[in-house]
Amino acid sequence: MPENTPHRVNYALTKITTESLDLYPESFEEGKPAKINAGLNFGVNKEKKLVKVQCKNTFLQDDLDFMEIEVSCVFALDQQSWEIFCGRKPGSFVLPRDLAGHLADIAVGTARGILHNETESTAFNNYFIPAGNMADMIPKDVVLLLP
């Protein structure tokens, strides 16, 4: 299928993993302003035809971490989409920027919910992962080398 031909990508969220959730009360002062550092990583499993999106958010006060969460979401793609994304660049899986952003939005929203649930009824619950368009963090298509 030519690259500019429209194609509907079908996918399913197949797994959610809380990789880590760390709270550091000794570095935390309730009510004090905080900064957040956010990061995204992508991975692919060729044999199982899966895409993994990992998001990490670190909350800081005075440059000291007081809360950190890392969550992974694994997505299965339909066969046709998988073949198209593998055929765009030899030896690579090319995840289009917009789709990468959409999957990242799901992963970040999942992390937001996990963080809320795990910190509910604590002062840490006053700090949350802000909403935003994750595609803004992804400047171009995500190219993942296939083994």
N, C-alpha and C. Protein backbone atom coordinates (compact mmCIF):
# COMPACT_ATOMS: atom_id res chain seq x y z
N MET A 1 0.85 -1.17 0.00
CA MET A 1 0.00 0.00 0.00
C MET A 1 0.90 1.23 0.00
N PRO A 2 0.68 2.17 -0.92
CA PRO A 2 1.49 3.40 -0.93
C PRO A 2 1.37 4.16 0.38
N GLU A 3 2.44 4.86 0.75
CA GLU A 3 2.51 5.53 2.05
C GLU A 3 1.41 6.57 2.24
N ASN A 4 0.96 7.20 1.16
CA ASN A 4 -0.04 8.27 1.30
C ASN A 4 -1.47 7.75 1.22
N THR A 5 -1.67 6.44 1.09
CA THR A 5 -3.00 5.87 1.05
C THR A 5 -3.54 5.78 2.47
N PRO A 6 -4.77 6.28 2.71
CA PRO A 6 -5.32 6.21 4.06
C PRO A 6 -5.51 4.76 4.51
N HIS A 7 -5.23 4.52 5.76
CA HIS A 7 -5.39 3.18 6.34
C HIS A 7 -5.83 3.34 7.78
N ARG A 8 -6.87 2.64 8.15
CA ARG A 8 -7.33 2.67 9.53
C ARG A 8 -6.52 1.66 10.34
N VAL A 9 -5.88 2.14 11.38
CA VAL A 9 -5.07 1.28 12.25
C VAL A 9 -5.97 0.77 13.37
N ASN A 10 -6.03 -0.54 13.48
CA ASN A 10 -6.75 -1.16 14.58
C ASN A 10 -5.74 -1.67 15.59
N TYR A 11 -6.00 -1.39 16.85
CA TYR A 11 -5.08 -1.81 17.91
C TYR A 11 -5.88 -2.14 19.16
N ALA A 12 -5.22 -2.84 20.06
CA ALA A 12 -5.83 -3.18 21.34
C ALA A 12 -4.80 -3.00 22.44
N LEU A 13 -5.21 -2.39 23.53
CA LEU A 13 -4.36 -2.29 24.71
C LEU A 13 -4.39 -3.67 25.37
N THR A 14 -3.22 -4.32 25.43
CA THR A 14 -3.19 -5.70 25.92
C THR A 14 -2.57 -5.86 27.31
N LYS A 15 -1.81 -4.85 27.75
CA LYS A 15 -1.17 -5.00 29.06
C LYS A 15 -0.81 -3.62 29.62
N ILE A 16 -1.00 -3.47 30.92
CA ILE A 16 -0.60 -2.27 31.65
C ILE A 16 0.31 -2.73 32.79
N THR A 17 1.46 -2.08 32.91
CA THR A 17 2.40 -2.43 33.97
C THR A 17 2.85 -1.16 34.69
N THR A 18 2.73 -1.16 36.01
CA THR A 18 3.34 -0.10 36.80
C THR A 18 4.78 -0.54 37.05
N GLU A 19 5.69 0.04 36.29
CA GLU A 19 7.11 -0.33 36.40
C GLU A 19 7.68 0.12 37.74
N SER A 20 7.29 1.33 38.15
CA SER A 20 7.72 1.82 39.46
C SER A 20 6.80 2.95 39.90
N LEU A 21 6.65 3.05 41.21
CA LEU A 21 5.96 4.18 41.84
C LEU A 21 6.68 4.41 43.15
N ASP A 22 7.45 5.48 43.19
CA ASP A 22 8.27 5.77 44.36
C ASP A 22 7.88 7.11 44.96
N LEU A 23 7.69 7.11 46.27
CA LEU A 23 7.38 8.32 47.02
C LEU A 23 8.52 8.57 48.00
N TYR A 24 8.98 9.82 48.05
CA TYR A 24 10.09 10.18 48.93
C TYR A 24 9.62 11.29 49.88
N PRO A 25 8.96 10.91 50.98
CA PRO A 25 8.40 11.90 51.90
C PRO A 25 9.47 12.83 52.50
N GLU A 26 10.69 12.36 52.61
CA GLU A 26 11.76 13.19 53.18
C GLU A 26 12.13 14.36 52.26
N SER A 27 11.76 14.28 50.98
CA SER A 27 12.06 15.34 50.02
C SER A 27 10.83 16.17 49.69
N PHE A 28 9.75 15.93 50.41
CA PHE A 28 8.46 16.53 50.08
C PHE A 28 8.02 17.52 51.14
N GLU A 29 7.54 18.68 50.66
CA GLU A 29 6.96 19.68 51.55
C GLU A 29 5.57 20.02 51.01
N GLU A 30 4.56 19.69 51.78
CA GLU A 30 3.18 19.88 51.36
C GLU A 30 2.91 21.34 51.01
N GLY A 31 2.23 21.56 49.87
CA GLY A 31 1.84 22.90 49.44
C GLY A 31 2.91 23.66 48.70
N LYS A 32 4.11 23.15 48.67
CA LYS A 32 5.22 23.81 47.99
C LYS A 32 5.13 23.56 46.48
N PRO A 33 5.43 24.57 45.65
CA PRO A 33 5.40 24.37 44.20
C PRO A 33 6.34 23.25 43.77
N ALA A 34 6.00 22.63 42.66
CA ALA A 34 6.79 21.51 42.16
C ALA A 34 6.99 21.65 40.66
N LYS A 35 8.01 20.98 40.18
CA LYS A 35 8.26 20.84 38.74
C LYS A 35 8.05 19.37 38.41
N ILE A 36 7.82 19.13 37.13
CA ILE A 36 7.67 17.75 36.68
C ILE A 36 8.53 17.54 35.44
N ASN A 37 9.26 16.44 35.44
CA ASN A 37 10.01 16.01 34.26
C ASN A 37 9.28 14.81 33.68
N ALA A 38 9.06 14.84 32.37
CA ALA A 38 8.32 13.76 31.71
C ALA A 38 9.15 13.18 30.58
N GLY A 39 9.04 11.88 30.39
CA GLY A 39 9.74 11.23 29.30
C GLY A 39 8.94 10.08 28.73
N LEU A 40 9.20 9.79 27.46
CA LEU A 40 8.54 8.69 26.75
C LEU A 40 9.58 7.80 26.11
N ASN A 41 9.30 6.51 26.08
CA ASN A 41 10.11 5.54 25.35
C ASN A 41 9.18 4.60 24.62
N PHE A 42 9.65 4.09 23.49
CA PHE A 42 8.88 3.16 22.68
C PHE A 42 9.70 1.91 22.46
N GLY A 43 9.01 0.79 22.35
CA GLY A 43 9.66 -0.48 22.05
C GLY A 43 8.75 -1.32 21.18
N VAL A 44 9.33 -2.37 20.61
CA VAL A 44 8.56 -3.23 19.72
C VAL A 44 8.98 -4.69 19.94
N ASN A 45 8.01 -5.59 19.86
CA ASN A 45 8.26 -7.02 19.93
C ASN A 45 7.83 -7.60 18.58
N LYS A 46 8.81 -7.92 17.74
CA LYS A 46 8.55 -8.37 16.38
C LYS A 46 7.78 -9.70 16.36
N GLU A 47 8.18 -10.63 17.21
CA GLU A 47 7.56 -11.96 17.20
C GLU A 47 6.08 -11.90 17.56
N LYS A 48 5.74 -11.10 18.54
CA LYS A 48 4.35 -11.01 19.00
C LYS A 48 3.59 -9.84 18.37
N LYS A 49 4.30 -9.04 17.57
CA LYS A 49 3.70 -7.88 16.89
C LYS A 49 3.06 -6.92 17.89
N LEU A 50 3.89 -6.50 18.87
CA LEU A 50 3.43 -5.61 19.93
C LEU A 50 4.26 -4.33 19.94
N VAL A 51 3.62 -3.26 20.35
CA VAL A 51 4.28 -1.97 20.54
C VAL A 51 4.13 -1.60 22.01
N LYS A 52 5.23 -1.16 22.62
CA LYS A 52 5.22 -0.77 24.04
C LYS A 52 5.49 0.72 24.14
N VAL A 53 4.69 1.39 24.95
CA VAL A 53 4.91 2.80 25.25
C VAL A 53 5.15 2.91 26.74
N GLN A 54 6.27 3.51 27.10
CA GLN A 54 6.64 3.66 28.50
C GLN A 54 6.72 5.15 28.81
N CYS A 55 6.03 5.57 29.85
CA CYS A 55 6.10 6.98 30.25
C CYS A 55 6.60 7.06 31.68
N LYS A 56 7.42 8.06 31.91
CA LYS A 56 8.00 8.27 33.24
C LYS A 56 7.80 9.73 33.61
N ASN A 57 7.32 9.96 34.82
CA ASN A 57 7.11 11.31 35.34
C ASN A 57 7.77 11.41 36.70
N THR A 58 8.62 12.42 36.84
CA THR A 58 9.31 12.67 38.09
C THR A 58 8.91 14.04 38.60
N PHE A 59 8.46 14.10 39.84
CA PHE A 59 8.05 15.34 40.47
C PHE A 59 9.17 15.81 41.39
N LEU A 60 9.49 17.12 41.31
CA LEU A 60 10.61 17.65 42.08
C LEU A 60 10.22 18.93 42.82
N GLN A 61 10.82 19.10 43.98
CA GLN A 61 10.80 20.35 44.73
C GLN A 61 12.25 20.67 45.05
N ASP A 62 12.68 21.88 44.72
CA ASP A 62 14.08 22.28 44.94
C ASP A 62 15.04 21.26 44.35
N ASP A 63 14.74 20.78 43.16
CA ASP A 63 15.56 19.83 42.42
C ASP A 63 15.73 18.48 43.10
N LEU A 64 14.89 18.15 44.07
CA LEU A 64 14.89 16.85 44.72
C LEU A 64 13.62 16.08 44.34
N ASP A 65 13.79 14.85 43.90
CA ASP A 65 12.64 14.01 43.57
C ASP A 65 11.82 13.76 44.82
N PHE A 66 10.50 13.93 44.70
CA PHE A 66 9.66 13.53 45.82
C PHE A 66 8.62 12.48 45.40
N MET A 67 8.46 12.31 44.07
CA MET A 67 7.53 11.30 43.59
C MET A 67 7.92 10.95 42.16
N GLU A 68 7.85 9.66 41.86
CA GLU A 68 8.21 9.21 40.52
C GLU A 68 7.32 8.04 40.15
N ILE A 69 6.80 8.08 38.92
CA ILE A 69 5.98 6.98 38.43
C ILE A 69 6.42 6.64 37.01
N GLU A 70 6.49 5.34 36.75
CA GLU A 70 6.82 4.84 35.42
C GLU A 70 5.82 3.75 35.08
N VAL A 71 5.13 3.93 33.96
CA VAL A 71 4.07 3.02 33.53
C VAL A 71 4.31 2.62 32.09
N SER A 72 4.02 1.35 31.78
CA SER A 72 4.11 0.85 30.41
C SER A 72 2.75 0.35 29.96
N CYS A 73 2.44 0.64 28.71
CA CYS A 73 1.25 0.10 28.07
C CYS A 73 1.71 -0.64 26.81
N VAL A 74 1.18 -1.84 26.61
CA VAL A 74 1.52 -2.65 25.45
C VAL A 74 0.29 -2.74 24.56
N PHE A 75 0.52 -2.53 23.27
CA PHE A 75 -0.55 -2.52 22.28
C PHE A 75 -0.29 -3.56 21.20
N ALA A 76 -1.33 -4.28 20.82
CA ALA A 76 -1.26 -5.20 19.68
C ALA A 76 -1.87 -4.47 18.48
N LEU A 77 -1.20 -4.58 17.34
CA LEU A 77 -1.69 -3.95 16.11
C LEU A 77 -2.27 -5.01 15.18
N ASP A 78 -3.20 -4.59 14.33
CA ASP A 78 -3.72 -5.52 13.34
C ASP A 78 -2.61 -5.88 12.34
N GLN A 79 -2.75 -7.02 11.70
CA GLN A 79 -1.72 -7.55 10.80
C GLN A 79 -1.37 -6.59 9.68
N GLN A 80 -2.37 -5.99 9.05
CA GLN A 80 -2.11 -5.09 7.92
C GLN A 80 -1.31 -3.86 8.37
N SER A 81 -1.66 -3.28 9.50
CA SER A 81 -0.91 -2.13 10.01
C SER A 81 0.53 -2.52 10.32
N TRP A 82 0.69 -3.67 10.97
CA TRP A 82 2.03 -4.14 11.30
C TRP A 82 2.88 -4.24 10.03
N GLU A 83 2.34 -4.84 8.99
CA GLU A 83 3.08 -5.01 7.74
C GLU A 83 3.41 -3.66 7.09
N ILE A 84 2.48 -2.73 7.14
CA ILE A 84 2.74 -1.40 6.57
C ILE A 84 3.86 -0.71 7.34
N PHE A 85 3.81 -0.74 8.66
CA PHE A 85 4.80 -0.03 9.46
C PHE A 85 6.19 -0.69 9.36
N CYS A 86 6.21 -2.02 9.12
CA CYS A 86 7.49 -2.71 8.94
C CYS A 86 8.04 -2.49 7.53
N GLY A 87 7.18 -2.15 6.59
CA GLY A 87 7.61 -2.00 5.20
C GLY A 87 8.08 -0.62 4.81
N ARG A 88 8.02 0.32 5.72
CA ARG A 88 8.39 1.70 5.39
C ARG A 88 9.89 1.94 5.35
N LYS A 89 10.65 1.17 6.12
CA LYS A 89 12.10 1.32 6.17
C LYS A 89 12.68 -0.06 6.49
N PRO A 90 13.52 -0.60 5.61
CA PRO A 90 14.04 -1.95 5.82
C PRO A 90 14.70 -2.12 7.20
N GLY A 91 14.35 -3.23 7.87
CA GLY A 91 14.95 -3.54 9.17
C GLY A 91 14.41 -2.71 10.32
N SER A 92 13.36 -1.96 10.06
CA SER A 92 12.81 -1.06 11.08
C SER A 92 11.29 -1.14 11.13
N PHE A 93 10.77 -0.74 12.25
CA PHE A 93 9.33 -0.55 12.44
C PHE A 93 9.14 0.95 12.58
N VAL A 94 8.33 1.55 11.72
CA VAL A 94 8.13 3.00 11.73
C VAL A 94 6.73 3.32 12.22
N LEU A 95 6.65 3.83 13.43
CA LEU A 95 5.38 4.21 14.04
C LEU A 95 5.12 5.68 13.70
N PRO A 96 4.05 5.95 12.93
CA PRO A 96 3.78 7.35 12.56
C PRO A 96 3.63 8.24 13.80
N ARG A 97 4.11 9.46 13.68
CA ARG A 97 4.12 10.42 14.78
C ARG A 97 2.75 10.57 15.44
N ASP A 98 1.71 10.73 14.63
CA ASP A 98 0.37 10.94 15.19
C ASP A 98 -0.11 9.72 15.98
N LEU A 99 0.15 8.53 15.45
CA LEU A 99 -0.25 7.32 16.17
C LEU A 99 0.59 7.15 17.44
N ALA A 100 1.89 7.44 17.34
CA ALA A 100 2.76 7.38 18.52
C ALA A 100 2.23 8.33 19.59
N GLY A 101 1.82 9.52 19.19
CA GLY A 101 1.26 10.49 20.14
C GLY A 101 -0.03 9.99 20.77
N HIS A 102 -0.87 9.37 19.96
CA HIS A 102 -2.14 8.84 20.48
C HIS A 102 -1.90 7.73 21.50
N LEU A 103 -1.00 6.79 21.17
CA LEU A 103 -0.69 5.71 22.09
C LEU A 103 -0.03 6.26 23.36
N ALA A 104 0.81 7.27 23.21
CA ALA A 104 1.44 7.92 24.37
C ALA A 104 0.38 8.60 25.24
N ASP A 105 -0.62 9.22 24.62
CA ASP A 105 -1.71 9.83 25.39
C ASP A 105 -2.41 8.79 26.26
N ILE A 106 -2.62 7.60 25.70
CA ILE A 106 -3.26 6.52 26.46
C ILE A 106 -2.37 6.11 27.63
N ALA A 107 -1.07 5.96 27.37
CA ALA A 107 -0.15 5.55 28.43
C ALA A 107 -0.08 6.60 29.54
N VAL A 108 -0.01 7.87 29.17
CA VAL A 108 0.07 8.94 30.17
C VAL A 108 -1.24 9.04 30.95
N GLY A 109 -2.36 8.90 30.27
CA GLY A 109 -3.65 8.90 30.97
C GLY A 109 -3.75 7.74 31.95
N THR A 110 -3.22 6.59 31.56
CA THR A 110 -3.19 5.43 32.45
C THR A 110 -2.33 5.73 33.67
N ALA A 111 -1.15 6.31 33.44
CA ALA A 111 -0.26 6.67 34.55
C ALA A 111 -0.94 7.68 35.48
N ARG A 112 -1.67 8.62 34.90
CA ARG A 112 -2.39 9.63 35.70
C ARG A 112 -3.38 8.94 36.63
N GLY A 113 -4.12 7.98 36.11
CA GLY A 113 -5.09 7.26 36.93
C GLY A 113 -4.45 6.42 38.01
N ILE A 114 -3.35 5.74 37.67
CA ILE A 114 -2.63 4.93 38.66
C ILE A 114 -2.09 5.83 39.77
N LEU A 115 -1.50 6.96 39.39
CA LEU A 115 -0.95 7.88 40.39
C LEU A 115 -2.04 8.38 41.32
N HIS A 116 -3.17 8.76 40.77
CA HIS A 116 -4.28 9.24 41.60
C HIS A 116 -4.72 8.14 42.57
N ASN A 117 -4.91 6.94 42.05
CA ASN A 117 -5.38 5.84 42.89
C ASN A 117 -4.40 5.51 44.01
N GLU A 118 -3.12 5.51 43.69
CA GLU A 118 -2.11 5.10 44.67
C GLU A 118 -1.78 6.18 45.71
N THR A 119 -2.10 7.43 45.39
CA THR A 119 -1.80 8.51 46.35
C THR A 119 -3.06 9.10 46.98
N GLU A 120 -4.20 8.53 46.66
CA GLU A 120 -5.47 9.05 47.19
C GLU A 120 -5.41 9.10 48.72
N SER A 121 -5.97 10.15 49.28
CA SER A 121 -6.01 10.38 50.73
C SER A 121 -4.64 10.69 51.31
N THR A 122 -3.70 11.14 50.47
CA THR A 122 -2.40 11.59 50.96
C THR A 122 -2.14 12.98 50.38
N ALA A 123 -1.16 13.68 50.92
CA ALA A 123 -0.80 15.01 50.41
C ALA A 123 -0.19 14.91 49.01
N PHE A 124 0.36 13.75 48.65
CA PHE A 124 0.93 13.56 47.31
C PHE A 124 -0.13 13.66 46.23
N ASN A 125 -1.39 13.42 46.59
CA ASN A 125 -2.49 13.43 45.63
C ASN A 125 -2.78 14.82 45.09
N ASN A 126 -2.22 15.86 45.71
CA ASN A 126 -2.41 17.22 45.21
C ASN A 126 -1.56 17.49 43.97
N TYR A 127 -0.67 16.58 43.63
CA TYR A 127 0.21 16.73 42.46
C TYR A 127 -0.19 15.66 41.45
N PHE A 128 -0.37 16.06 40.22
CA PHE A 128 -0.84 15.13 39.21
C PHE A 128 -0.14 15.37 37.89
N ILE A 129 -0.23 14.40 37.02
CA ILE A 129 0.35 14.52 35.68
C ILE A 129 -0.59 15.38 34.85
N PRO A 130 -0.11 16.52 34.36
CA PRO A 130 -1.00 17.41 33.61
C PRO A 130 -1.43 16.81 32.27
N ALA A 131 -2.60 17.22 31.83
CA ALA A 131 -3.09 16.79 30.52
C ALA A 131 -2.36 17.59 29.45
N GLY A 132 -2.18 16.99 28.32
CA GLY A 132 -1.53 17.66 27.20
C GLY A 132 -1.47 16.72 26.02
N ASN A 133 -1.08 17.25 24.89
CA ASN A 133 -0.97 16.47 23.68
C ASN A 133 0.44 15.87 23.63
N MET A 134 0.55 14.58 23.84
CA MET A 134 1.85 13.93 23.88
C MET A 134 2.56 13.99 22.54
N ALA A 135 1.81 14.15 21.45
CA ALA A 135 2.44 14.26 20.13
C ALA A 135 3.39 15.45 20.09
N ASP A 136 3.15 16.45 20.94
CA ASP A 136 4.05 17.61 20.99
C ASP A 136 5.45 17.21 21.48
N MET A 137 5.54 16.09 22.20
CA MET A 137 6.84 15.61 22.69
C MET A 137 7.55 14.74 21.65
N ILE A 138 6.83 14.41 20.58
CA ILE A 138 7.36 13.49 19.57
C ILE A 138 7.55 14.28 18.27
N PRO A 139 8.79 14.67 17.95
CA PRO A 139 9.01 15.57 16.81
C PRO A 139 8.82 14.93 15.44
N LYS A 140 8.95 13.59 15.35
CA LYS A 140 8.82 12.92 14.05
C LYS A 140 8.41 11.48 14.27
N ASP A 141 8.21 10.73 13.18
CA ASP A 141 7.87 9.32 13.30
C ASP A 141 8.88 8.61 14.19
N VAL A 142 8.41 7.62 14.92
CA VAL A 142 9.27 6.84 15.82
C VAL A 142 9.79 5.64 15.02
N VAL A 143 11.11 5.57 14.84
CA VAL A 143 11.73 4.48 14.09
C VAL A 143 12.42 3.56 15.10
N LEU A 144 11.96 2.30 15.11
CA LEU A 144 12.48 1.29 16.02
C LEU A 144 13.15 0.19 15.20
N LEU A 145 14.39 -0.11 15.51
CA LEU A 145 15.11 -1.16 14.80
C LEU A 145 14.56 -2.52 15.18
N LEU A 146 14.39 -3.37 14.17
CA LEU A 146 13.92 -4.73 14.41
C LEU A 146 15.13 -5.66 14.52
N PRO A 147 15.10 -6.59 15.48
CA PRO A 147 16.24 -7.51 15.64
C PRO A 147 16.36 -8.45 14.45
